[in-house]
Amino acid sequence: MRARKLFSWVMGFGPATAWVVFAMLHFGPSRGYWLALPFVLAVALGILGLTGLFVAYFPAALDRLGLRRFSAWLRTWWDEDAR
């Protein structure tokens, strides 16, 4: 159960968290950490939204590609109510 929660967190928040860490290390020293923070978080919010769209439509895209068994397994793995 912990592996599923960790994987779900990494799928959902991992790209946005990686962006915040990278951008603050990259832009923080040159522009100031407090000045860069709102812009970095705004981009992270967009990344979070795009990640949510990806997670929502990925099983349907697999269906269209003909990978129906993998798509069905992925739905049951992500959504415990679908079992």
Protein backbone atom coordinates (compact mmCIF):
# COMPACT_ATOMS: atom_id res chain seq x y z
CA MET A 1 0.00 0.00 0.00
CA ARG A 2 2.84 2.40 0.72
CA ALA A 3 4.38 1.79 -2.69
CA ARG A 4 1.11 2.71 -4.38
CA LYS A 5 0.80 5.95 -2.40
CA LEU A 6 4.42 6.85 -3.07
CA PHE A 7 4.05 6.14 -6.79
CA SER A 8 0.85 8.21 -6.91
CA TRP A 9 2.57 11.11 -5.17
CA VAL A 10 5.57 10.94 -7.50
CA MET A 11 3.29 10.76 -10.56
CA GLY A 12 1.21 13.71 -9.41
CA PHE A 13 3.59 16.04 -7.64
CA GLY A 14 7.00 14.83 -8.79
CA PRO A 15 7.40 16.96 -11.93
CA ALA A 16 6.23 20.13 -10.18
CA THR A 17 8.47 19.47 -7.19
CA ALA A 18 11.44 18.78 -9.43
CA TRP A 19 10.78 22.07 -11.25
CA VAL A 20 10.65 24.05 -7.99
CA VAL A 21 13.93 22.58 -6.78
CA PHE A 22 15.67 23.08 -10.13
CA ALA A 23 14.39 26.61 -10.69
CA MET A 24 15.15 27.82 -7.18
CA LEU A 25 18.69 26.49 -7.44
CA HIS A 26 19.08 27.98 -10.91
CA PHE A 27 17.31 31.36 -10.60
CA GLY A 28 17.43 31.94 -6.85
CA PRO A 29 21.06 33.00 -6.44
CA SER A 30 21.07 35.38 -9.41
CA ARG A 31 17.64 37.02 -8.99
CA GLY A 32 16.97 36.55 -5.32
CA TYR A 33 15.05 33.70 -3.75
CA TRP A 34 12.02 35.73 -2.66
CA LEU A 35 11.71 37.42 -6.06
CA ALA A 36 11.92 34.13 -7.98
CA LEU A 37 9.58 32.18 -5.70
CA PRO A 38 6.19 33.47 -7.01
CA PHE A 39 7.19 32.92 -10.64
CA VAL A 40 8.58 29.46 -9.93
CA LEU A 41 5.40 28.47 -8.05
CA ALA A 42 3.18 29.81 -10.86
CA VAL A 43 4.98 27.61 -13.38
CA ALA A 44 4.82 24.68 -10.93
CA LEU A 45 1.05 25.10 -10.73
CA GLY A 46 0.84 24.84 -14.52
CA ILE A 47 3.03 21.75 -14.48
CA LEU A 48 0.77 20.26 -11.82
CA GLY A 49 -2.27 20.88 -14.01
CA LEU A 50 -0.66 19.32 -17.06
CA THR A 51 0.39 16.32 -14.99
CA GLY A 52 -3.21 15.92 -13.81
CA LEU A 53 -4.41 15.95 -17.41
CA PHE A 54 -1.79 13.37 -18.35
CA VAL A 55 -2.79 11.05 -15.51
CA ALA A 56 -6.48 11.45 -16.36
CA TYR A 57 -6.19 10.74 -20.09
CA PHE A 58 -3.28 8.29 -20.20
CA PRO A 59 -5.42 5.12 -19.85
CA ALA A 60 -7.75 6.30 -22.62
CA ALA A 61 -4.76 7.00 -24.86
CA LEU A 62 -3.51 3.47 -24.22
CA ASP A 63 -6.93 2.15 -25.26
CA ARG A 64 -6.70 4.00 -28.55
CA LEU A 65 -3.22 2.65 -29.16
CA GLY A 66 -4.54 -0.88 -28.77
CA LEU A 67 -3.02 -1.63 -25.38
CA ARG A 68 -6.36 -2.48 -23.77
CA ARG A 69 -5.08 -5.00 -21.22
CA PHE A 70 -2.40 -2.63 -19.95
CA SER A 71 -4.95 0.17 -19.80
CA ALA A 72 -7.40 -1.96 -17.82
CA TRP A 73 -4.67 -3.03 -15.41
CA LEU A 74 -3.55 0.58 -14.97
CA ARG A 75 -7.09 1.70 -14.19
CA THR A 76 -7.51 -0.99 -11.53
CA TRP A 77 -4.09 -0.20 -10.08
CA TRP A 78 -4.76 3.55 -9.85
CA ASP A 79 -8.42 3.35 -8.87
CA GLU A 80 -9.16 0.82 -6.15
CA ASP A 81 -12.92 1.22 -6.74
CA ALA A 82 -12.52 -0.05 -10.31
CA ARG A 83 -11.61 -3.54 -9.13
